[in-house]
PDB file of N, CA and C in Angstrom:
ATOM      1  N   MET A   1      74.186-201.630  45.583  1.00  0.00           N
ATOM      2  CA  MET A   1      72.999-200.846  45.888  1.00  0.00           C
ATOM      3  C   MET A   1      72.178-200.588  44.614  1.00  0.00           C
ATOM      4  N   GLN A   2      72.870-200.183  43.563  1.00  0.00           N
ATOM      5  CA  GLN A   2      72.173-199.918  42.308  1.00  0.00           C
ATOM      6  C   GLN A   2      71.543-201.198  41.770  1.00  0.00           C
ATOM      7  N   LYS A   3      72.225-202.316  41.949  1.00  0.00           N
ATOM      8  CA  LYS A   3      71.687-203.600  41.492  1.00  0.00           C
ATOM      9  C   LYS A   3      70.396-203.929  42.240  1.00  0.00           C
ATOM     10  N   MET A   4      70.369-203.621  43.535  1.00  0.00           N
ATOM     11  CA  MET A   4      69.170-203.877  44.335  1.00  0.00           C
ATOM     12  C   MET A   4      67.993-203.031  43.823  1.00  0.00           C
ATOM     13  N   PHE A   5      68.260-201.751  43.520  1.00  0.00           N
ATOM     14  CA  PHE A   5      67.203-200.896  42.979  1.00  0.00           C
ATOM     15  C   PHE A   5      66.722-201.409  41.627  1.00  0.00           C
ATOM     16  N   GLN A   6      67.665-201.851  40.813  1.00  0.00           N
ATOM     17  CA  GLN A   6      67.317-202.383  39.502  1.00  0.00           C
ATOM     18  C   GLN A   6      66.437-203.621  39.649  1.00  0.00           C
ATOM     19  N   GLN A   7      66.759-204.477  40.606  1.00  0.00           N
ATOM     20  CA  GLN A   7      65.954-205.682  40.845  1.00  0.00           C
ATOM     21  C   GLN A   7      64.550-205.312  41.315  1.00  0.00           C
ATOM     22  N   LYS A   8      64.462-204.323  42.193  1.00  0.00           N
ATOM     23  CA  LYS A   8      63.146-203.881  42.671  1.00  0.00           C
ATOM     24  C   LYS A   8      62.321-203.305  41.522  1.00  0.00           C
ATOM     25  N   ILE A   9      62.972-202.529  40.674  1.00  0.00           N
ATOM     26  CA  ILE A   9      62.265-201.960  39.526  1.00  0.00           C
ATOM     27  C   ILE A   9      61.776-203.072  38.611  1.00  0.00           C
ATOM     28  N   GLN A  10      62.632-204.040  38.345  1.00  0.00           N
ATOM     29  CA  GLN A  10      62.242-205.154  37.485  1.00  0.00           C
ATOM     30  C   GLN A  10      61.087-205.948  38.088  1.00  0.00           C
ATOM     31  N   GLN A  11      61.138-206.146  39.406  1.00  0.00           N
ATOM     32  CA  GLN A  11      60.053-206.881  40.070  1.00  0.00           C
ATOM     33  C   GLN A  11      58.745-206.105  39.979  1.00  0.00           C
ATOM     34  N   ARG A  12      58.820-204.795  40.165  1.00  0.00           N
ATOM     35  CA  ARG A  12      57.607-203.971  40.076  1.00  0.00           C
ATOM     36  C   ARG A  12      57.059-203.970  38.651  1.00  0.00           C
ATOM     37  N   GLU A  13      57.946-203.919  37.673  1.00  0.00           N
ATOM     38  CA  GLU A  13      57.497-203.983  36.279  1.00  0.00           C
ATOM     39  C   GLU A  13      56.834-205.326  35.989  1.00  0.00           C
ATOM     40  N   LYS A  14      57.406-206.387  36.534  1.00  0.00           N
ATOM     41  CA  LYS A  14      56.825-207.722  36.364  1.00  0.00           C
ATOM     42  C   LYS A  14      55.450-207.785  37.032  1.00  0.00           C
ATOM     43  N   ASP A  15      55.360-207.250  38.249  1.00  0.00           N
ATOM     44  CA  ASP A  15      54.074-207.226  38.964  1.00  0.00           C
ATOM     45  C   ASP A  15      53.033-206.419  38.189  1.00  0.00           C
ATOM     46  N   LEU A  16      53.464-205.288  37.635  1.00  0.00           N
ATOM     47  CA  LEU A  16      52.560-204.446  36.863  1.00  0.00           C
ATOM     48  C   LEU A  16      52.069-205.185  35.621  1.00  0.00           C
ATOM     49  N   GLN A  17      52.960-205.890  34.955  1.00  0.00           N
ATOM     50  CA  GLN A  17      52.565-206.659  33.777  1.00  0.00           C
ATOM     51  C   GLN A  17      51.563-207.750  34.154  1.00  0.00           C
ATOM     52  N   GLN A  18      51.792-208.404  35.282  1.00  0.00           N
ATOM     53  CA  GLN A  18      50.858-209.438  35.740  1.00  0.00           C
ATOM     54  C   GLN A  18      49.488-208.835  36.041  1.00  0.00           C
ATOM     55  N   LEU A  19      49.474-207.657  36.631  1.00  0.00           N
ATOM     56  CA  LEU A  19      48.202-206.978  36.899  1.00  0.00           C
ATOM     57  C   LEU A  19      47.488-206.622  35.595  1.00  0.00           C
ATOM     58  N   ARG A  20      48.245-206.144  34.621  1.00  0.00           N
ATOM     59  CA  ARG A  20      47.636-205.824  33.323  1.00  0.00           C
ATOM     60  C   ARG A  20      47.029-207.070  32.682  1.00  0.00           C
ATOM     61  N   GLU A  21      47.763-208.179  32.754  1.00  0.00           N
ATOM     62  CA  GLU A  21      47.258-209.425  32.180  1.00  0.00           C
ATOM     63  C   GLU A  21      46.015-209.914  32.918  1.00  0.00           C
ATOM     64  N   ALA A  22      46.027-209.783  34.249  1.00  0.00           N
ATOM     65  CA  ALA A  22      44.864-210.190  35.038  1.00  0.00           C
ATOM     66  C   ALA A  22      43.654-209.317  34.696  1.00  0.00           C
ATOM     67  N   LEU A  23      43.883-208.024  34.524  1.00  0.00           N
ATOM     68  CA  LEU A  23      42.801-207.104  34.166  1.00  0.00           C
ATOM     69  C   LEU A  23      42.232-207.456  32.797  1.00  0.00           C
ATOM     70  N   GLU A  24      43.107-207.736  31.851  1.00  0.00           N
ATOM     71  CA  GLU A  24      42.655-208.099  30.505  1.00  0.00           C
ATOM     72  C   GLU A  24      41.851-209.396  30.545  1.00  0.00           C
ATOM     73  N   SER A  25      42.315-210.343  31.326  1.00  0.00           N
ATOM     74  CA  SER A  25      41.598-211.612  31.467  1.00  0.00           C
ATOM     75  C   SER A  25      40.221-211.387  32.090  1.00  0.00           C
ATOM     76  N   HIS A  26      40.168-210.525  33.097  1.00  0.00           N
ATOM     77  CA  HIS A  26      38.902-210.211  33.763  1.00  0.00           C
ATOM     78  C   HIS A  26      37.932-209.544  32.783  1.00  0.00           C
ATOM     79  N   LYS A  27      38.447-208.610  31.990  1.00  0.00           N
ATOM     80  CA  LYS A  27      37.598-207.939  30.998  1.00  0.00           C
ATOM     81  C   LYS A  27      37.046-208.948  29.996  1.00  0.00           C
ATOM     82  N   HIS A  28      37.904-209.848  29.557  1.00  0.00           N
ATOM     83  CA  HIS A  28      37.467-210.864  28.594  1.00  0.00           C
ATOM     84  C   HIS A  28      36.401-211.765  29.216  1.00  0.00           C
ATOM     85  N   SER A  29      36.619-212.171  30.468  1.00  0.00           N
ATOM     86  CA  SER A  29      35.642-213.022  31.157  1.00  0.00           C
ATOM     87  C   SER A  29      34.308-212.302  31.315  1.00  0.00           C
ATOM     88  N   ALA A  30      34.374-211.031  31.653  1.00  0.00           N
ATOM     89  CA  ALA A  30      33.144-210.251  31.821  1.00  0.00           C
ATOM     90  C   ALA A  30      32.401-210.140  30.492  1.00  0.00           C
ATOM     91  N   GLN A  31      33.133-209.888  29.414  1.00  0.00           N
ATOM     92  CA  GLN A  31      32.503-209.780  28.097  1.00  0.00           C
ATOM     93  C   GLN A  31      31.860-211.103  27.703  1.00  0.00           C
ATOM     94  N   THR A  32      32.551-212.198  27.973  1.00  0.00           N
ATOM     95  CA  THR A  32      32.009-213.524  27.670  1.00  0.00           C
ATOM     96  C   THR A  32      30.737-213.773  28.472  1.00  0.00           C
ATOM     97  N   ALA A  33      30.741-213.384  29.741  1.00  0.00           N
ATOM     98  CA  ALA A  33      29.556-213.570  30.582  1.00  0.00           C
ATOM     99  C   ALA A  33      28.375-212.760  30.047  1.00  0.00           C
ATOM    100  N   VAL A  34      28.635-211.539  29.617  1.00  0.00           N
ATOM    101  CA  VAL A  34      27.568-210.698  29.054  1.00  0.00           C
ATOM    102  C   VAL A  34      27.013-211.338  27.786  1.00  0.00           C
ATOM    103  N   GLU A  35      27.901-211.790  26.907  1.00  0.00           N
ATOM    104  CA  GLU A  35      27.450-212.411  25.655  1.00  0.00           C
ATOM    105  C   GLU A  35      26.651-213.681  25.920  1.00  0.00           C
ATOM    106  N   ASP A  36      27.125-214.494  26.860  1.00  0.00           N
ATOM    107  CA  ASP A  36      26.392-215.717  27.204  1.00  0.00           C
ATOM    108  C   ASP A  36      25.016-215.394  27.779  1.00  0.00           C
ATOM    109  N   SER A  37      24.958-214.394  28.645  1.00  0.00           N
ATOM    110  CA  SER A  37      23.674-213.996  29.235  1.00  0.00           C
ATOM    111  C   SER A  37      22.710-213.507  28.164  1.00  0.00           C
ATOM    112  N   GLU A  38      23.212-212.701  27.242  1.00  0.00           N
ATOM    113  CA  GLU A  38      22.372-212.208  26.144  1.00  0.00           C
ATOM    114  C   GLU A  38      21.811-213.371  25.333  1.00  0.00           C
ATOM    115  N   ARG A  39      22.661-214.320  25.006  1.00  0.00           N
ATOM    116  CA  ARG A  39      22.233-215.471  24.204  1.00  0.00           C
ATOM    117  C   ARG A  39      21.191-216.294  24.952  1.00  0.00           C
ATOM    118  N   ILE A  40      21.435-216.560  26.224  1.00  0.00           N
ATOM    119  CA  ILE A  40      20.517-217.376  27.023  1.00  0.00           C
ATOM    120  C   ILE A  40      19.161-216.683  27.167  1.00  0.00           C
ATOM    121  N   PHE A  41      19.171-215.382  27.484  1.00  0.00           N
ATOM    122  CA  PHE A  41      17.901-214.676  27.655  1.00  0.00           C
ATOM    123  C   PHE A  41      17.153-214.537  26.336  1.00  0.00           C
ATOM    124  N   THR A  42      17.877-214.375  25.247  1.00  0.00           N
ATOM    125  CA  THR A  42      17.223-214.324  23.934  1.00  0.00           C
ATOM    126  C   THR A  42      16.530-215.647  23.640  1.00  0.00           C
ATOM    127  N   GLU A  43      17.216-216.743  23.911  1.00  0.00           N
ATOM    128  CA  GLU A  43      16.608-218.063  23.711  1.00  0.00           C
ATOM    129  C   GLU A  43      15.402-218.260  24.624  1.00  0.00           C
ATOM    130  N   LEU A  44      15.512-217.806  25.859  1.00  0.00           N
ATOM    131  CA  LEU A  44      14.401-217.923  26.803  1.00  0.00           C
ATOM    132  C   LEU A  44      13.189-217.124  26.323  1.00  0.00           C
ATOM    133  N   ILE A  45      13.427-215.913  25.857  1.00  0.00           N
ATOM    134  CA  ILE A  45      12.328-215.078  25.351  1.00  0.00           C
ATOM    135  C   ILE A  45      11.653-215.749  24.162  1.00  0.00           C
ATOM    136  N   ARG A  46      12.453-216.282  23.252  1.00  0.00           N
ATOM    137  CA  ARG A  46      11.872-216.971  22.086  1.00  0.00           C
ATOM    138  C   ARG A  46      11.040-218.171  22.515  1.00  0.00           C
ATOM    139  N   SER A  47      11.543-218.905  23.482  1.00  0.00           N
ATOM    140  CA  SER A  47      10.808-220.075  23.975  1.00  0.00           C
ATOM    141  C   SER A  47       9.481-219.658  24.603  1.00  0.00           C
ATOM    142  N   ILE A  48       9.502-218.605  25.391  1.00  0.00           N
ATOM    143  CA  ILE A  48       8.274-218.106  26.019  1.00  0.00           C
ATOM    144  C   ILE A  48       7.292-217.632  24.951  1.00  0.00           C
ATOM    145  N   GLU A  49       7.800-216.938  23.940  1.00  0.00           N
ATOM    146  CA  GLU A  49       6.914-216.462  22.870  1.00  0.00           C
ATOM    147  C   GLU A  49       6.289-217.628  22.106  1.00  0.00           C
ATOM    148  N   ARG A  50       7.073-218.679  21.858  1.00  0.00           N
ATOM    149  CA  ARG A  50       6.509-219.857  21.181  1.00  0.00           C
ATOM    150  C   ARG A  50       5.434-220.507  22.040  1.00  0.00           C
ATOM    151  N   SER A  51       5.700-220.633  23.339  1.00  0.00           N
ATOM    152  CA  SER A  51       4.712-221.230  24.247  1.00  0.00           C
ATOM    153  C   SER A  51       3.448-220.388  24.294  1.00  0.00           C
ATOM    154  N   ARG A  52       3.611-219.089  24.331  1.00  0.00           N
ATOM    155  CA  ARG A  52       2.465-218.176  24.353  1.00  0.00           C
ATOM    156  C   ARG A  52       1.637-218.331  23.082  1.00  0.00           C
ATOM    157  N   SER A  53       2.306-218.359  21.950  1.00  0.00           N
ATOM    158  CA  SER A  53       1.592-218.516  20.674  1.00  0.00           C
ATOM    159  C   SER A  53       0.848-219.842  20.622  1.00  0.00           C
ATOM    160  N   GLU A  54       1.479-220.886  21.085  1.00  0.00           N
ATOM    161  CA  GLU A  54       0.838-222.208  21.092  1.00  0.00           C
ATOM    162  C   GLU A  54      -0.374-222.213  22.016  1.00  0.00           C
ATOM    163  N   LEU A  55      -0.250-221.592  23.178  1.00  0.00           N
ATOM    164  CA  LEU A  55      -1.367-221.528  24.117  1.00  0.00           C
ATOM    165  C   LEU A  55      -2.535-220.746  23.516  1.00  0.00           C
ATOM    166  N   ILE A  56      -2.239-219.624  22.883  1.00  0.00           N
ATOM    167  CA  ILE A  56      -3.298-218.830  22.246  1.00  0.00           C
ATOM    168  C   ILE A  56      -3.979-219.652  21.160  1.00  0.00           C
ATOM    169  N   ARG A  57      -3.199-220.361  20.371  1.00  0.00           N
ATOM    170  CA  ARG A  57      -3.772-221.195  19.316  1.00  0.00           C
ATOM    171  C   ARG A  57      -4.688-222.267  19.904  1.00  0.00           C
ATOM    172  N   LEU A  58      -4.248-222.909  20.982  1.00  0.00           N
ATOM    173  CA  LEU A  58      -5.074-223.944  21.617  1.00  0.00           C
ATOM    174  C   LEU A  58      -6.372-223.362  22.168  1.00  0.00           C
ATOM    175  N   ILE A  59      -6.290-222.202  22.795  1.00  0.00           N
ATOM    176  CA  ILE A  59      -7.492-221.559  23.342  1.00  0.00           C
ATOM    177  C   ILE A  59      -8.464-221.213  22.219  1.00  0.00           C
ATOM    178  N   ARG A  60      -7.970-220.670  21.131  1.00  0.00           N
ATOM    179  CA  ARG A  60      -8.846-220.296  20.005  1.00  0.00           C
ATOM    180  C   ARG A  60      -9.460-221.528  19.353  1.00  0.00           C
ATOM    181  N   ASP A  61      -8.673-222.606  19.268  1.00  0.00           N
ATOM    182  CA  ASP A  61      -9.223-223.856  18.723  1.00  0.00           C
ATOM    183  C   ASP A  61     -10.374-224.358  19.591  1.00  0.00           C
ATOM    184  N   GLN A  62     -10.220-224.261  20.914  1.00  0.00           N
ATOM    185  CA  GLN A  62     -11.286-224.705  21.815  1.00  0.00           C
ATOM    186  C   GLN A  62     -12.506-223.798  21.710  1.00  0.00           C
ATOM    187  N   GLU A  63     -12.275-222.495  21.524  1.00  0.00           N
ATOM    188  CA  GLU A  63     -13.400-221.565  21.361  1.00  0.00           C
ATOM    189  C   GLU A  63     -14.214-221.921  20.120  1.00  0.00           C
ATOM    190  N   LYS A  64     -13.514-222.287  19.052  1.00  0.00           N
ATOM    191  CA  LYS A  64     -14.209-222.640  17.807  1.00  0.00           C
ATOM    192  C   LYS A  64     -15.051-223.902  17.983  1.00  0.00           C
ATOM    193  N   ARG A  65     -14.582-224.813  18.799  1.00  0.00           N
ATOM    194  CA  ARG A  65     -15.300-226.073  19.020  1.00  0.00           C
ATOM    195  C   ARG A  65     -16.498-225.894  19.946  1.00  0.00           C
ATOM    196  N   ALA A  66     -16.454-224.864  20.772  1.00  0.00           N
ATOM    197  CA  ALA A  66     -17.520-224.681  21.767  1.00  0.00           C
ATOM    198  C   ALA A  66     -18.786-224.131  21.166  1.00  0.00           C
TER     199      ALA A  66
END
C-alpha cells in the first residue's frame, strides 16, 4: 500500500515537473514571438519612413521643375 502511494507521489511529481517545463517553454516561445514582432514592425516602420522621404523628395523635385 505504501509503495502504491509512493508511486502515485512520484508520478505526480513527474507530472508537475513536466508542467513546469511546458510553462517555461511557453514563456520562452512567447518572448521570442514578442521580440520577432518588435523587430519586424521596426523594420516595417523604417521602410515606410524611407518610402515617405523618397516620395517627398520626388514631389519637391517635380515642384522645382514646374
